[in-house]
Amino acid sequence: MAKPPLIYLALSDSVAERVEEELQPLKARMVRVSDGEELIRLCREVPPEVVILEKEIPKLDGYAAVLLLKSSPRTAKIPVVGVCKCLSSEEFEKARDAGCDDYVCYPFNKGELKEVVEKILRG
């Protein structure tokens, strides 16, 4: 039997709860990460199949965390999905420029995030 995918969540509690609910059918191991520094450390120690993050995380914001992940050969291939508070298309551009592989607008539509993560997991 295949091992369930490991997903790191660097999100506020309310967003993390919604993401966990949305991705529950994937039977993934979801680990909440408290801040950007912890995310970088964990990704280096035990690389996940996917990272889901938002910009407003403590110690190292989401954009900086993605830039660090994508600039290191050890973690560059880890797919990152940004959760943007879609006030403008500028947020999407910043997420892409930082290195996010994909992004969703929060609050996302039912099934939207699951679809994005499934596409990444399929490769």
Protein backbone atom coordinates (compact mmCIF):
# COMPACT_ATOMS: atom_id res chain seq x y z
CA MET A 1 0.00 0.00 0.00
CA ALA A 2 1.34 3.44 -0.93
CA LYS A 3 2.40 5.74 1.86
CA PRO A 4 0.06 8.73 2.27
CA PRO A 5 1.53 11.97 0.91
CA LEU A 6 3.12 14.37 3.40
CA ILE A 7 1.86 17.96 3.21
CA TYR A 8 3.23 20.84 5.30
CA LEU A 9 0.75 23.61 6.12
CA ALA A 10 2.23 27.01 6.97
CA LEU A 11 -1.09 28.74 7.50
CA SER A 12 -3.09 30.64 10.09
CA ASP A 13 -5.27 28.34 12.22
CA SER A 14 -8.54 29.28 10.52
CA VAL A 15 -7.12 28.73 7.02
CA ALA A 16 -5.38 25.50 8.10
CA GLU A 17 -8.68 24.11 9.40
CA ARG A 18 -10.38 24.84 6.08
CA VAL A 19 -7.47 23.31 4.13
CA GLU A 20 -7.45 20.16 6.29
CA GLU A 21 -11.19 19.78 5.74
CA GLU A 22 -10.84 20.28 1.99
CA LEU A 23 -7.95 17.81 1.64
CA GLN A 24 -9.28 15.18 4.06
CA PRO A 25 -10.40 12.86 1.18
CA LEU A 26 -6.75 12.63 0.03
CA LYS A 27 -5.82 10.74 3.23
CA ALA A 28 -2.62 12.80 3.39
CA ARG A 29 -0.46 13.33 6.45
CA MET A 30 -0.89 17.04 7.08
CA VAL A 31 1.56 18.72 9.44
CA ARG A 32 0.90 22.25 10.65
CA VAL A 33 4.05 24.35 10.74
CA SER A 34 4.09 27.35 13.08
CA ASP A 35 6.40 29.69 11.14
CA GLY A 36 8.60 30.16 8.09
CA GLU A 37 11.83 29.18 9.82
CA GLU A 38 10.35 25.88 11.01
CA LEU A 39 9.02 25.24 7.50
CA ILE A 40 12.50 25.62 5.98
CA ARG A 41 14.04 23.36 8.64
CA LEU A 42 11.41 20.64 8.21
CA CYS A 43 11.63 20.73 4.41
CA ARG A 44 15.38 20.17 4.65
CA GLU A 45 15.01 17.31 7.15
CA VAL A 46 11.96 15.50 5.73
CA PRO A 47 10.90 16.87 2.33
CA PRO A 48 7.12 16.78 1.84
CA GLU A 49 5.22 16.08 -1.37
CA VAL A 50 3.61 19.54 -1.14
CA VAL A 51 3.86 22.74 0.91
CA ILE A 52 0.78 24.93 1.30
CA LEU A 53 1.42 28.37 2.73
CA GLU A 54 0.16 31.89 2.96
CA LYS A 55 2.07 35.15 2.99
CA GLU A 56 1.29 36.12 6.59
CA ILE A 57 3.24 33.54 8.62
CA PRO A 58 5.51 34.41 11.58
CA LYS A 59 9.32 34.80 11.60
CA LEU A 60 9.75 34.49 7.83
CA ASP A 61 6.86 35.48 5.60
CA GLY A 62 5.53 33.09 2.97
CA TYR A 63 7.25 34.84 0.06
CA ALA A 64 10.64 34.73 1.78
CA ALA A 65 10.12 31.07 2.73
CA VAL A 66 9.31 30.13 -0.89
CA LEU A 67 12.34 32.05 -2.17
CA LEU A 68 14.59 30.17 0.27
CA LEU A 69 13.06 26.80 -0.58
CA LYS A 70 13.36 27.35 -4.33
CA SER A 71 16.93 28.68 -4.12
CA SER A 72 18.31 25.58 -2.38
CA PRO A 73 19.10 22.51 -4.53
CA ARG A 74 17.95 20.34 -1.62
CA THR A 75 14.41 21.80 -1.52
CA ALA A 76 13.95 23.47 -4.93
CA LYS A 77 11.78 20.69 -6.34
CA ILE A 78 9.23 20.72 -3.49
CA PRO A 79 5.94 21.98 -4.98
CA VAL A 80 4.51 25.01 -3.18
CA VAL A 81 0.89 26.15 -3.31
CA GLY A 82 0.24 29.68 -2.15
CA VAL A 83 -3.02 30.64 -0.50
CA CYS A 84 -3.63 34.28 -1.44
CA LYS A 85 -6.11 36.68 0.11
CA CYS A 86 -7.21 37.80 -3.34
CA LEU A 87 -7.48 41.52 -2.98
CA SER A 88 -5.76 42.01 -6.33
CA SER A 89 -4.01 40.15 -9.11
CA GLU A 90 -0.82 41.61 -7.62
CA GLU A 91 -0.96 38.91 -4.90
CA PHE A 92 -0.92 36.18 -7.55
CA GLU A 93 2.03 37.82 -9.31
CA LYS A 94 3.98 38.05 -6.06
CA ALA A 95 3.26 34.39 -5.29
CA ARG A 96 4.45 33.34 -8.76
CA ASP A 97 7.52 35.60 -8.59
CA ALA A 98 8.47 34.13 -5.22
CA GLY A 99 8.36 30.65 -6.74
CA CYS A 100 4.94 29.20 -5.91
CA ASP A 101 4.08 26.40 -8.32
CA ASP A 102 0.38 27.18 -8.04
CA TYR A 103 -1.98 29.25 -5.89
CA VAL A 104 -5.58 29.49 -4.83
CA CYS A 105 -7.63 32.44 -3.73
CA TYR A 106 -8.95 32.30 -0.16
CA PRO A 107 -11.73 31.64 0.54
CA PHE A 108 -11.46 28.97 -2.15
CA ASN A 109 -14.36 27.23 -3.83
CA LYS A 110 -15.19 23.69 -2.74
CA GLY A 111 -12.91 21.24 -4.51
CA GLU A 112 -10.58 23.91 -5.90
CA LEU A 113 -7.61 23.33 -3.57
CA LYS A 114 -8.07 19.55 -3.68
CA GLU A 115 -7.90 19.69 -7.47
CA VAL A 116 -4.67 21.73 -7.41
CA VAL A 117 -3.02 19.38 -4.88
CA GLU A 118 -4.15 16.25 -6.74
CA LYS A 119 -2.64 17.61 -9.95
CA ILE A 120 0.71 18.16 -8.17
CA LEU A 121 0.65 14.71 -6.55
CA ARG A 122 0.01 13.06 -9.93
CA GLY A 123 3.13 14.80 -11.20
